[in-house]
């Protein structure tokens, strides 16, 4: 459940001890008389979880993106859990002051609080050590320093067709090289020029990943746009003997091991290998359209196959757009 995931993500590593304190907090709230002294605070505590559920319902009705646990945690769940946990600890402290074992019980509470603190500090250190952001800077610097000869840098990501893609996102900010840039969805319109070019293609493949707070986190703070994308095995691409892959956090730089000095043919061969290792889905539509256009200009019969594949994978709402691109590809010579 999204609400449970949100609670776990924001309360780790003390999720279950805090949950116990939250569950017993109504008893200690009554014991401390909070319902008589602080009516506004009690009403707020009841409204917070209702607001969380309302947030979830509105979000899912207005967006097809996955629900991020942090959306409700910072504003609703985490403060509520901390307040209720504090009520339980205060109630325990007050209750133990009246029995003969008060010193032992208070020592136990102090030890428990110390354990919570230590666990939180360790989790914070793990969080800082863990690489999670896509390394746009590293990719940009690597390309500028290692590829001085003219190359064509082609950007792609296995994204659902018609949805937002991270093409060039963050790259121009750091890149200081001189190679031209292209995106895979523009290749059907650039294919004739590519057939006459001797540039060497380098495919920069953005990888959709789940982001976790720490290596031990059971749930991600950010999921992939669609669970179907989680079935893509990038390791298969890296193991292809015909490709040279250089990996960064969130990226793979992909080149052919042997180039033909023809940009269109080399790009087509890279796309063919990507399609070979990718499960069928609408994230392959742009690759098939690019492959169809390139095959058309280098006189390969496979362009028919790629067009049929693209038209068979496309969502109905995007069918007209793909049909227009297919007409353009059929007119290529």
C-alpha atoms as a PDB file:
ATOM      1  CA  UNK A   1       0.000   0.000   0.000  1.00  0.00           C
ATOM      2  CA  UNK A   2       1.326   3.478  -0.855  1.00  0.00           C
ATOM      3  CA  UNK A   3       0.577   4.883   2.615  1.00  0.00           C
ATOM      4  CA  UNK A   4       2.428   2.021   4.316  1.00  0.00           C
ATOM      5  CA  UNK A   5       5.365   2.403   1.921  1.00  0.00           C
ATOM      6  CA  UNK A   6       5.443   6.121   2.644  1.00  0.00           C
ATOM      7  CA  UNK A   7       5.583   5.462   6.374  1.00  0.00           C
ATOM      8  CA  UNK A   8       8.325   2.844   6.042  1.00  0.00           C
ATOM      9  CA  UNK A   9      10.469   4.983   3.729  1.00  0.00           C
ATOM     10  CA  UNK A  10      10.434   8.016   6.002  1.00  0.00           C
ATOM     11  CA  UNK A  11      10.650   6.249   9.365  1.00  0.00           C
ATOM     12  CA  UNK A  12      13.426   3.771   8.637  1.00  0.00           C
ATOM     13  CA  UNK A  13      15.505   2.493  10.354  1.00  0.00           C
ATOM     14  CA  UNK A  14      13.193   2.688  13.400  1.00  0.00           C
ATOM     15  CA  UNK A  15      10.010   1.764  11.535  1.00  0.00           C
ATOM     16  CA  UNK A  16       8.673  -1.003  13.752  1.00  0.00           C
ATOM     17  CA  UNK A  17       9.654   0.347  17.199  1.00  0.00           C
ATOM     18  CA  UNK A  18       8.076   3.669  16.224  1.00  0.00           C
ATOM     19  CA  UNK A  19       4.989   1.835  14.961  1.00  0.00           C
ATOM     20  CA  UNK A  20       4.588   0.157  18.370  1.00  0.00           C
ATOM     21  CA  UNK A  21       4.783   3.540  20.092  1.00  0.00           C
ATOM     22  CA  UNK A  22       2.221   4.925  17.638  1.00  0.00           C
ATOM     23  CA  UNK A  23      -0.169   2.047  18.319  1.00  0.00           C
ATOM     24  CA  UNK A  24      -0.077   2.477  22.102  1.00  0.00           C
ATOM     25  CA  UNK A  25      -0.186   6.282  21.967  1.00  0.00           C
ATOM     26  CA  UNK A  26      -4.026   6.495  22.306  1.00  0.00           C
ATOM     27  CA  UNK A  27      -3.778   4.735  25.675  1.00  0.00           C
ATOM     28  CA  UNK A  28      -1.131   7.111  26.957  1.00  0.00           C
ATOM     29  CA  UNK A  29      -2.983  10.057  25.428  1.00  0.00           C
ATOM     30  CA  UNK A  30      -5.954   9.176  27.625  1.00  0.00           C
ATOM     31  CA  UNK A  31      -3.688   8.515  30.599  1.00  0.00           C
ATOM     32  CA  UNK A  32      -2.100  11.968  30.249  1.00  0.00           C
ATOM     33  CA  UNK A  33      -5.510  13.586  29.717  1.00  0.00           C
ATOM     34  CA  UNK A  34      -4.582  15.093  26.379  1.00  0.00           C
ATOM     35  CA  UNK A  35      -8.126  14.736  25.082  1.00  0.00           C
ATOM     36  CA  UNK A  36      -9.288  17.217  27.755  1.00  0.00           C
ATOM     37  CA  UNK A  37      -6.323  19.634  27.661  1.00  0.00           C
ATOM     38  CA  UNK A  38      -5.495  19.881  23.967  1.00  0.00           C
ATOM     39  CA  UNK A  39      -8.627  19.456  21.883  1.00  0.00           C
ATOM     40  CA  UNK A  40      -7.164  21.210  18.825  1.00  0.00           C
ATOM     41  CA  UNK A  41      -4.060  19.004  18.806  1.00  0.00           C
ATOM     42  CA  UNK A  42      -6.139  15.851  19.130  1.00  0.00           C
ATOM     43  CA  UNK A  43      -8.365  16.890  16.225  1.00  0.00           C
ATOM     44  CA  UNK A  44      -5.278  17.664  14.142  1.00  0.00           C
ATOM     45  CA  UNK A  45      -3.890  14.205  14.864  1.00  0.00           C
ATOM     46  CA  UNK A  46      -7.096  12.675  13.504  1.00  0.00           C
ATOM     47  CA  UNK A  47      -7.116  14.911  10.426  1.00  0.00           C
ATOM     48  CA  UNK A  48      -3.520  14.195   9.395  1.00  0.00           C
ATOM     49  CA  UNK A  49      -4.063  10.568   8.259  1.00  0.00           C
ATOM     50  CA  UNK A  50      -7.301  11.602   6.538  1.00  0.00           C
ATOM     51  CA  UNK A  51      -5.349  14.259   4.631  1.00  0.00           C
ATOM     52  CA  UNK A  52      -2.796  11.599   3.600  1.00  0.00           C
ATOM     53  CA  UNK A  53      -5.471   9.359   2.133  1.00  0.00           C
ATOM     54  CA  UNK A  54      -7.131  12.323   0.393  1.00  0.00           C
ATOM     55  CA  UNK A  55      -3.760  13.306  -1.101  1.00  0.00           C
ATOM     56  CA  UNK A  56      -3.285   9.793  -2.470  1.00  0.00           C
ATOM     57  CA  UNK A  57      -6.768   9.672  -4.034  1.00  0.00           C
ATOM     58  CA  UNK A  58      -6.388  13.076  -5.729  1.00  0.00           C
ATOM     59  CA  UNK A  59      -2.875  12.253  -6.987  1.00  0.00           C
ATOM     60  CA  UNK A  60      -3.908   8.976  -8.585  1.00  0.00           C
ATOM     61  CA  UNK A  61      -6.942  10.576 -10.236  1.00  0.00           C
ATOM     62  CA  UNK A  62      -4.845  13.364 -11.799  1.00  0.00           C
ATOM     63  CA  UNK A  63      -1.599  11.589 -12.752  1.00  0.00           C
ATOM     64  CA  UNK A  64      -0.380   8.334 -14.274  1.00  0.00           C
ATOM     65  CA  UNK A  65       3.027   8.672 -12.613  1.00  0.00           C
ATOM     66  CA  UNK A  66       3.898   6.351  -9.706  1.00  0.00           C
ATOM     67  CA  UNK A  67       3.059   7.684  -6.258  1.00  0.00           C
ATOM     68  CA  UNK A  68       6.217   8.768  -4.437  1.00  0.00           C
ATOM     69  CA  UNK A  69       6.294   7.858  -0.740  1.00  0.00           C
ATOM     70  CA  UNK A  70       7.724  11.236   0.183  1.00  0.00           C
ATOM     71  CA  UNK A  71       4.626  13.053  -1.100  1.00  0.00           C
ATOM     72  CA  UNK A  72       2.625  12.305   2.044  1.00  0.00           C
ATOM     73  CA  UNK A  73       5.381  11.576   4.519  1.00  0.00           C
ATOM     74  CA  UNK A  74       6.964  14.965   5.099  1.00  0.00           C
ATOM     75  CA  UNK A  75       3.626  16.768   5.289  1.00  0.00           C
ATOM     76  CA  UNK A  76       1.470  14.238   7.109  1.00  0.00           C
ATOM     77  CA  UNK A  77       2.683  10.806   8.143  1.00  0.00           C
ATOM     78  CA  UNK A  78       6.127  11.411   9.584  1.00  0.00           C
ATOM     79  CA  UNK A  79       5.180  14.368  11.836  1.00  0.00           C
ATOM     80  CA  UNK A  80       2.121  12.472  13.039  1.00  0.00           C
ATOM     81  CA  UNK A  81       4.159   9.354  13.850  1.00  0.00           C
ATOM     82  CA  UNK A  82       6.772  11.404  15.727  1.00  0.00           C
ATOM     83  CA  UNK A  83       4.117  13.265  17.751  1.00  0.00           C
ATOM     84  CA  UNK A  84       2.307  10.062  18.702  1.00  0.00           C
ATOM     85  CA  UNK A  85       5.604   8.316  19.512  1.00  0.00           C
ATOM     86  CA  UNK A  86       6.558  11.216  21.778  1.00  0.00           C
ATOM     87  CA  UNK A  87       3.200  10.923  23.586  1.00  0.00           C
ATOM     88  CA  UNK A  88       3.901   7.237  24.260  1.00  0.00           C
ATOM     89  CA  UNK A  89       7.405   7.950  25.576  1.00  0.00           C
ATOM     90  CA  UNK A  90       6.113  10.745  27.809  1.00  0.00           C
ATOM     91  CA  UNK A  91       3.363   8.488  29.088  1.00  0.00           C
ATOM     92  CA  UNK A  92       5.860   5.728  29.867  1.00  0.00           C
ATOM     93  CA  UNK A  93       8.090   8.201  31.653  1.00  0.00           C
ATOM     94  CA  UNK A  94       5.177   9.525  33.756  1.00  0.00           C
ATOM     95  CA  UNK A  95       3.855   6.049  34.497  1.00  0.00           C
ATOM     96  CA  UNK A  96       7.183   4.648  35.674  1.00  0.00           C
ATOM     97  CA  UNK A  97       7.717   7.558  38.057  1.00  0.00           C
ATOM     98  CA  UNK A  98       5.040   6.065  40.306  1.00  0.00           C
ATOM     99  CA  UNK A  99       6.328   2.506  40.717  1.00  0.00           C
ATOM    100  CA  UNK A 100       9.206   0.965  42.629  1.00  0.00           C
ATOM    101  CA  UNK A 101      11.193   0.118  39.479  1.00  0.00           C
ATOM    102  CA  UNK A 102      11.140   3.643  38.096  1.00  0.00           C
ATOM    103  CA  UNK A 103      14.931   3.938  37.848  1.00  0.00           C
ATOM    104  CA  UNK A 104      15.267   0.694  35.876  1.00  0.00           C
ATOM    105  CA  UNK A 105      12.405   1.586  33.553  1.00  0.00           C
ATOM    106  CA  UNK A 106      13.719   5.085  32.925  1.00  0.00           C
ATOM    107  CA  UNK A 107      17.151   3.666  32.165  1.00  0.00           C
ATOM    108  CA  UNK A 108      15.518   1.319  29.651  1.00  0.00           C
ATOM    109  CA  UNK A 109      13.762   4.267  27.972  1.00  0.00           C
ATOM    110  CA  UNK A 110      17.034   6.194  27.764  1.00  0.00           C
ATOM    111  CA  UNK A 111      18.812   3.163  26.265  1.00  0.00           C
ATOM    112  CA  UNK A 112      15.965   2.738  23.782  1.00  0.00           C
ATOM    113  CA  UNK A 113      16.226   6.384  22.734  1.00  0.00           C
ATOM    114  CA  UNK A 114      20.009   6.009  22.369  1.00  0.00           C
ATOM    115  CA  UNK A 115      19.559   2.960  20.122  1.00  0.00           C
ATOM    116  CA  UNK A 116      17.090   4.928  17.978  1.00  0.00           C
ATOM    117  CA  UNK A 117      19.606   7.751  17.662  1.00  0.00           C
ATOM    118  CA  UNK A 118      22.507   5.460  16.749  1.00  0.00           C
ATOM    119  CA  UNK A 119      20.432   3.621  14.144  1.00  0.00           C
ATOM    120  CA  UNK A 120      19.377   6.922  12.619  1.00  0.00           C
ATOM    121  CA  UNK A 121      22.973   8.179  12.451  1.00  0.00           C
ATOM    122  CA  UNK A 122      24.135   4.937  10.786  1.00  0.00           C
ATOM    123  CA  UNK A 123      21.290   5.164   8.251  1.00  0.00           C
ATOM    124  CA  UNK A 124      22.218   8.798   7.541  1.00  0.00           C
ATOM    125  CA  UNK A 125      25.831   7.774   6.851  1.00  0.00           C
ATOM    126  CA  UNK A 126      24.649   5.006   4.486  1.00  0.00           C
ATOM    127  CA  UNK A 127      22.431   7.546   2.750  1.00  0.00           C
ATOM    128  CA  UNK A 128      25.335   9.907   2.137  1.00  0.00           C
ATOM    129  CA  UNK A 129      27.596   7.114   0.845  1.00  0.00           C
ATOM    130  CA  UNK A 130      25.068   5.685  -1.599  1.00  0.00           C
ATOM    131  CA  UNK A 131      25.244   6.893  -5.218  1.00  0.00           C
ATOM    132  CA  UNK A 132      21.752   7.532  -6.477  1.00  0.00           C
ATOM    133  CA  UNK A 133      21.727  10.607  -8.732  1.00  0.00           C
ATOM    134  CA  UNK A 134      22.200  10.088 -12.450  1.00  0.00           C
ATOM    135  CA  UNK A 135      25.786  11.114 -13.210  1.00  0.00           C
ATOM    136  CA  UNK A 136      25.275  13.715 -15.940  1.00  0.00           C
ATOM    137  CA  UNK A 137      28.497  15.467 -14.949  1.00  0.00           C
ATOM    138  CA  UNK A 138      30.578  12.267 -15.108  1.00  0.00           C
ATOM    139  CA  UNK A 139      29.208  11.323 -18.528  1.00  0.00           C
ATOM    140  CA  UNK A 140      29.805  14.816 -19.906  1.00  0.00           C
ATOM    141  CA  UNK A 141      33.380  15.079 -18.613  1.00  0.00           C
ATOM    142  CA  UNK A 142      34.258  11.566 -19.808  1.00  0.00           C
ATOM    143  CA  UNK A 143      33.029  12.241 -23.349  1.00  0.00           C
ATOM    144  CA  UNK A 144      34.758  15.627 -23.571  1.00  0.00           C
ATOM    145  CA  UNK A 145      38.085  14.237 -22.338  1.00  0.00           C
ATOM    146  CA  UNK A 146      38.195  10.925 -24.220  1.00  0.00           C
ATOM    147  CA  UNK A 147      36.532  11.588 -27.565  1.00  0.00           C
ATOM    148  CA  UNK A 148      38.176  14.515 -29.331  1.00  0.00           C
ATOM    149  CA  UNK A 149      37.497  13.178 -32.825  1.00  0.00           C
ATOM    150  CA  UNK A 150      34.053  13.993 -34.240  1.00  0.00           C
ATOM    151  CA  UNK A 151      31.347  11.695 -32.952  1.00  0.00           C
ATOM    152  CA  UNK A 152      27.575  11.882 -32.995  1.00  0.00           C
ATOM    153  CA  UNK A 153      26.175  11.607 -29.463  1.00  0.00           C
ATOM    154  CA  UNK A 154      22.747   9.966 -29.664  1.00  0.00           C
ATOM    155  CA  UNK A 155      20.507  10.076 -26.586  1.00  0.00           C
ATOM    156  CA  UNK A 156      17.841   7.543 -25.752  1.00  0.00           C
ATOM    157  CA  UNK A 157      15.990   6.016 -22.825  1.00  0.00           C
ATOM    158  CA  UNK A 158      13.592   3.111 -22.672  1.00  0.00           C
ATOM    159  CA  UNK A 159      10.621   5.391 -21.987  1.00  0.00           C
ATOM    160  CA  UNK A 160       6.952   4.724 -22.647  1.00  0.00           C
ATOM    161  CA  UNK A 161       6.090   6.242 -26.024  1.00  0.00           C
ATOM    162  CA  UNK A 162       4.486   9.658 -25.684  1.00  0.00           C
ATOM    163  CA  UNK A 163       5.656  10.211 -22.101  1.00  0.00           C
ATOM    164  CA  UNK A 164       8.358  12.591 -20.873  1.00  0.00           C
ATOM    165  CA  UNK A 165      11.931  11.524 -21.621  1.00  0.00           C
ATOM    166  CA  UNK A 166      15.148  12.786 -19.990  1.00  0.00           C
ATOM    167  CA  UNK A 167      16.769  13.552 -23.383  1.00  0.00           C
ATOM    168  CA  UNK A 168      19.686  15.996 -22.938  1.00  0.00           C
ATOM    169  CA  UNK A 169      18.435  16.683 -19.411  1.00  0.00           C
ATOM    170  CA  UNK A 170      21.433  18.113 -17.548  1.00  0.00           C
ATOM    171  CA  UNK A 171      23.922  17.248 -20.314  1.00  0.00           C
ATOM    172  CA  UNK A 172      24.499  20.662 -21.979  1.00  0.00           C
ATOM    173  CA  UNK A 173      25.189  22.138 -18.552  1.00  0.00           C
ATOM    174  CA  UNK A 174      28.359  20.066 -18.155  1.00  0.00           C
ATOM    175  CA  UNK A 175      29.450  19.048 -21.655  1.00  0.00           C
ATOM    176  CA  UNK A 176      32.430  20.999 -23.027  1.00  0.00           C
ATOM    177  CA  UNK A 177      33.159  18.869 -26.084  1.00  0.00           C
ATOM    178  CA  UNK A 178      32.408  19.628 -29.719  1.00  0.00           C
ATOM    179  CA  UNK A 179      30.503  16.560 -30.933  1.00  0.00           C
ATOM    180  CA  UNK A 180      26.974  17.189 -32.276  1.00  0.00           C
ATOM    181  CA  UNK A 181      23.980  15.871 -30.307  1.00  0.00           C
ATOM    182  CA  UNK A 182      20.947  13.956 -31.527  1.00  0.00           C
ATOM    183  CA  UNK A 183      17.988  12.160 -30.010  1.00  0.00           C
ATOM    184  CA  UNK A 184      16.688   8.821 -31.182  1.00  0.00           C
ATOM    185  CA  UNK A 185      13.247  10.258 -32.043  1.00  0.00           C
ATOM    186  CA  UNK A 186      14.784  12.694 -34.563  1.00  0.00           C
ATOM    187  CA  UNK A 187      16.692  10.062 -36.537  1.00  0.00           C
ATOM    188  CA  UNK A 188      13.821   9.293 -38.982  1.00  0.00           C
ATOM    189  CA  UNK A 189      14.168  12.885 -40.218  1.00  0.00           C
ATOM    190  CA  UNK A 190      17.985  12.932 -40.201  1.00  0.00           C
ATOM    191  CA  UNK A 191      18.571   9.524 -41.786  1.00  0.00           C
ATOM    192  CA  UNK A 192      19.467  10.781 -45.318  1.00  0.00           C
ATOM    193  CA  UNK A 193      22.228  13.040 -43.965  1.00  0.00           C
ATOM    194  CA  UNK A 194      23.491  10.236 -41.728  1.00  0.00           C
ATOM    195  CA  UNK A 195      23.880   7.936 -44.729  1.00  0.00           C
ATOM    196  CA  UNK A 196      26.458  10.347 -46.148  1.00  0.00           C
ATOM    197  CA  UNK A 197      28.335  10.923 -42.873  1.00  0.00           C
ATOM    198  CA  UNK A 198      31.462   9.208 -41.526  1.00  0.00           C
ATOM    199  CA  UNK A 199      30.933  10.271 -37.902  1.00  0.00           C
ATOM    200  CA  UNK A 200      31.142   7.535 -35.259  1.00  0.00           C
ATOM    201  CA  UNK A 201      27.927   7.100 -33.228  1.00  0.00           C
ATOM    202  CA  UNK A 202      27.929   6.843 -29.444  1.00  0.00           C
ATOM    203  CA  UNK A 203      24.594   6.007 -27.852  1.00  0.00           C
ATOM    204  CA  UNK A 204      24.014   7.516 -24.412  1.00  0.00           C
ATOM    205  CA  UNK A 205      21.377   5.284 -22.859  1.00  0.00           C
ATOM    206  CA  UNK A 206      19.622   6.697 -19.794  1.00  0.00           C
ATOM    207  CA  UNK A 207      18.544   3.972 -17.362  1.00  0.00           C
ATOM    208  CA  UNK A 208      15.326   4.251 -15.388  1.00  0.00           C
ATOM    209  CA  UNK A 209      16.043   3.033 -11.863  1.00  0.00           C
ATOM    210  CA  UNK A 210      14.391   2.803  -8.476  1.00  0.00           C
ATOM    211  CA  UNK A 211      15.907   5.182  -5.933  1.00  0.00           C
ATOM    212  CA  UNK A 212      16.389   3.959  -2.359  1.00  0.00           C
ATOM    213  CA  UNK A 213      17.403   5.898   0.743  1.00  0.00           C
ATOM    214  CA  UNK A 214      19.918   3.257   1.854  1.00  0.00           C
ATOM    215  CA  UNK A 215      21.059  -0.167   0.584  1.00  0.00           C
ATOM    216  CA  UNK A 216      18.834  -1.787   3.248  1.00  0.00           C
ATOM    217  CA  UNK A 217      15.656   0.116   2.316  1.00  0.00           C
ATOM    218  CA  UNK A 218      12.720  -2.222   1.546  1.00  0.00           C
ATOM    219  CA  UNK A 219      10.863   0.318  -0.612  1.00  0.00           C
ATOM    220  CA  UNK A 220      12.096   2.929  -3.103  1.00  0.00           C
ATOM    221  CA  UNK A 221      11.508   6.645  -2.636  1.00  0.00           C
ATOM    222  CA  UNK A 222      11.118   6.917  -6.418  1.00  0.00           C
ATOM    223  CA  UNK A 223       9.946   4.111  -8.695  1.00  0.00           C
ATOM    224  CA  UNK A 224      10.339   3.688 -12.429  1.00  0.00           C
ATOM    225  CA  UNK A 225       7.535   5.332 -14.478  1.00  0.00           C
ATOM    226  CA  UNK A 226       6.048   1.919 -15.230  1.00  0.00           C
ATOM    227  CA  UNK A 227       6.709  -1.461 -13.662  1.00  0.00           C
ATOM    228  CA  UNK A 228       7.018  -2.868 -17.187  1.00  0.00           C
ATOM    229  CA  UNK A 229      10.280  -0.926 -17.507  1.00  0.00           C
ATOM    230  CA  UNK A 230      11.666  -2.847 -14.539  1.00  0.00           C
ATOM    231  CA  UNK A 231      11.796  -5.962 -16.769  1.00  0.00           C
ATOM    232  CA  UNK A 232      14.555  -4.425 -18.934  1.00  0.00           C
ATOM    233  CA  UNK A 233      17.865  -6.130 -18.158  1.00  0.00           C
ATOM    234  CA  UNK A 234      20.658  -3.664 -18.938  1.00  0.00           C
ATOM    235  CA  UNK A 235      23.251  -6.328 -18.090  1.00  0.00           C
ATOM    236  CA  UNK A 236      22.344  -8.215 -21.271  1.00  0.00           C
ATOM    237  CA  UNK A 237      23.251  -5.159 -23.321  1.00  0.00           C
ATOM    238  CA  UNK A 238      26.582  -4.796 -21.506  1.00  0.00           C
ATOM    239  CA  UNK A 239      27.420  -8.458 -22.135  1.00  0.00           C
ATOM    240  CA  UNK A 240      26.935  -8.202 -25.917  1.00  0.00           C
ATOM    241  CA  UNK A 241      30.296  -9.070 -27.514  1.00  0.00           C
ATOM    242  CA  UNK A 242      29.717  -6.678 -30.400  1.00  0.00           C
ATOM    243  CA  UNK A 243      29.353  -3.642 -28.167  1.00  0.00           C
ATOM    244  CA  UNK A 244      31.665  -1.581 -25.980  1.00  0.00           C
ATOM    245  CA  UNK A 245      29.765  -0.331 -22.933  1.00  0.00           C
ATOM    246  CA  UNK A 246      31.011   2.193 -20.387  1.00  0.00           C
ATOM    247  CA  UNK A 247      28.800   2.479 -17.319  1.00  0.00           C
ATOM    248  CA  UNK A 248      28.018   5.457 -15.122  1.00  0.00           C
ATOM    249  CA  UNK A 249      25.391   5.887 -12.431  1.00  0.00           C
ATOM    250  CA  UNK A 250      22.168   5.931 -14.449  1.00  0.00           C
ATOM    251  CA  UNK A 251      23.807   5.635 -17.891  1.00  0.00           C
ATOM    252  CA  UNK A 252      25.516   3.368 -20.368  1.00  0.00           C
ATOM    253  CA  UNK A 253      27.692   4.718 -23.180  1.00  0.00           C
ATOM    254  CA  UNK A 254      27.364   2.251 -26.062  1.00  0.00           C
ATOM    255  CA  UNK A 255      29.585   1.919 -29.141  1.00  0.00           C
ATOM    256  CA  UNK A 256      30.180  -0.736 -31.765  1.00  0.00           C
ATOM    257  CA  UNK A 257      33.335  -2.758 -31.332  1.00  0.00           C
ATOM    258  CA  UNK A 258      33.883  -2.532 -35.115  1.00  0.00           C
ATOM    259  CA  UNK A 259      32.689   0.490 -37.085  1.00  0.00           C
ATOM    260  CA  UNK A 260      32.117   0.747 -40.840  1.00  0.00           C
ATOM    261  CA  UNK A 261      32.762   4.521 -41.065  1.00  0.00           C
ATOM    262  CA  UNK A 262      29.167   4.994 -42.187  1.00  0.00           C
ATOM    263  CA  UNK A 263      27.074   6.761 -39.558  1.00  0.00           C
ATOM    264  CA  UNK A 264      23.720   5.410 -40.727  1.00  0.00           C
ATOM    265  CA  UNK A 265      24.884   1.782 -40.892  1.00  0.00           C
ATOM    266  CA  UNK A 266      26.709   1.892 -37.559  1.00  0.00           C
ATOM    267  CA  UNK A 267      23.764   3.523 -35.799  1.00  0.00           C
ATOM    268  CA  UNK A 268      21.440   0.915 -37.268  1.00  0.00           C
ATOM    269  CA  UNK A 269      23.666  -1.887 -35.963  1.00  0.00           C
ATOM    270  CA  UNK A 270      23.652  -0.402 -32.446  1.00  0.00           C
ATOM    271  CA  UNK A 271      19.859  -0.116 -32.476  1.00  0.00           C
ATOM    272  CA  UNK A 272      19.523  -3.697 -33.720  1.00  0.00           C
ATOM    273  CA  UNK A 273      21.521  -4.939 -30.739  1.00  0.00           C
ATOM    274  CA  UNK A 274      19.469  -2.854 -28.307  1.00  0.00           C
ATOM    275  CA  UNK A 275      16.239  -4.286 -29.685  1.00  0.00           C
ATOM    276  CA  UNK A 276      17.693  -7.783 -29.458  1.00  0.00           C
ATOM    277  CA  UNK A 277      18.086  -7.446 -25.669  1.00  0.00           C
ATOM    278  CA  UNK A 278      14.955  -5.415 -24.907  1.00  0.00           C
ATOM    279  CA  UNK A 279      11.531  -6.972 -24.195  1.00  0.00           C
ATOM    280  CA  UNK A 280       8.694  -5.835 -26.440  1.00  0.00           C
ATOM    281  CA  UNK A 281       6.889  -2.693 -25.340  1.00  0.00           C
ATOM    282  CA  UNK A 282       6.042   0.843 -26.387  1.00  0.00           C
ATOM    283  CA  UNK A 283       9.510   1.946 -25.181  1.00  0.00           C
ATOM    284  CA  UNK A 284      10.872   0.307 -28.357  1.00  0.00           C
ATOM    285  CA  UNK A 285       8.696   2.304 -30.779  1.00  0.00           C
ATOM    286  CA  UNK A 286      11.234   5.110 -31.316  1.00  0.00           C
ATOM    287  CA  UNK A 287      14.033   2.571 -31.789  1.00  0.00           C
ATOM    288  CA  UNK A 288      12.031   0.696 -34.435  1.00  0.00           C
ATOM    289  CA  UNK A 289      11.157   3.928 -36.255  1.00  0.00           C
ATOM    290  CA  UNK A 290      14.797   5.022 -36.240  1.00  0.00           C
ATOM    291  CA  UNK A 291      15.900   1.572 -37.436  1.00  0.00           C
ATOM    292  CA  UNK A 292      13.281   1.643 -40.229  1.00  0.00           C
ATOM    293  CA  UNK A 293      14.483   5.015 -41.497  1.00  0.00           C
ATOM    294  CA  UNK A 294      18.141   4.010 -41.365  1.00  0.00           C
ATOM    295  CA  UNK A 295      17.494   0.672 -43.054  1.00  0.00           C
ATOM    296  CA  UNK A 296      15.555   2.494 -45.752  1.00  0.00           C
ATOM    297  CA  UNK A 297      18.420   4.873 -46.639  1.00  0.00           C
ATOM    298  CA  UNK A 298      21.094   2.132 -46.584  1.00  0.00           C
ATOM    299  CA  UNK A 299      18.923  -0.136 -48.756  1.00  0.00           C
ATOM    300  CA  UNK A 300      18.101  -2.896 -46.252  1.00  0.00           C
ATOM    301  CA  UNK A 301      14.830  -4.825 -46.587  1.00  0.00           C
ATOM    302  CA  UNK A 302      14.393  -4.894 -42.788  1.00  0.00           C
ATOM    303  CA  UNK A 303      12.776  -1.442 -42.823  1.00  0.00           C
ATOM    304  CA  UNK A 304       9.391  -3.112 -43.486  1.00  0.00           C
ATOM    305  CA  UNK A 305       9.806  -5.265 -40.373  1.00  0.00           C
ATOM    306  CA  UNK A 306      10.709  -2.325 -38.130  1.00  0.00           C
ATOM    307  CA  UNK A 307       7.734  -0.279 -39.313  1.00  0.00           C
ATOM    308  CA  UNK A 308       5.352  -3.172 -38.626  1.00  0.00           C
ATOM    309  CA  UNK A 309       6.832  -3.615 -35.144  1.00  0.00           C
ATOM    310  CA  UNK A 310       6.490   0.102 -34.336  1.00  0.00           C
ATOM    311  CA  UNK A 311       2.881   0.239 -35.517  1.00  0.00           C
ATOM    312  CA  UNK A 312       2.051  -2.910 -33.542  1.00  0.00           C
ATOM    313  CA  UNK A 313       3.445  -1.576 -30.240  1.00  0.00           C
ATOM    314  CA  UNK A 314       2.073   1.960 -30.352  1.00  0.00           C
ATOM    315  CA  UNK A 315      -0.704   3.039 -27.956  1.00  0.00           C
ATOM    316  CA  UNK A 316      -3.923   4.008 -29.739  1.00  0.00           C
ATOM    317  CA  UNK A 317      -3.661   7.656 -28.658  1.00  0.00           C
ATOM    318  CA  UNK A 318      -0.296   7.999 -30.452  1.00  0.00           C
ATOM    319  CA  UNK A 319      -1.199   5.963 -33.557  1.00  0.00           C
ATOM    320  CA  UNK A 320      -1.772   8.979 -35.824  1.00  0.00           C
ATOM    321  CA  UNK A 321       1.675  10.419 -35.025  1.00  0.00           C
ATOM    322  CA  UNK A 322       3.430   7.129 -35.791  1.00  0.00           C
ATOM    323  CA  UNK A 323       1.476   6.709 -39.027  1.00  0.00           C
ATOM    324  CA  UNK A 324       2.697  10.142 -40.163  1.00  0.00           C
ATOM    325  CA  UNK A 325       6.308   9.197 -39.382  1.00  0.00           C
ATOM    326  CA  UNK A 326       5.827   5.890 -41.210  1.00  0.00           C
ATOM    327  CA  UNK A 327       4.631   7.761 -44.318  1.00  0.00           C
ATOM    328  CA  UNK A 328       7.743   9.919 -44.171  1.00  0.00           C
ATOM    329  CA  UNK A 329       9.971   6.833 -43.904  1.00  0.00           C
ATOM    330  CA  UNK A 330       8.293   5.178 -46.916  1.00  0.00           C
ATOM    331  CA  UNK A 331       9.120   8.243 -48.986  1.00  0.00           C
ATOM    332  CA  UNK A 332      12.837   8.050 -48.160  1.00  0.00           C
ATOM    333  CA  UNK A 333      15.298   6.921 -50.801  1.00  0.00           C
END
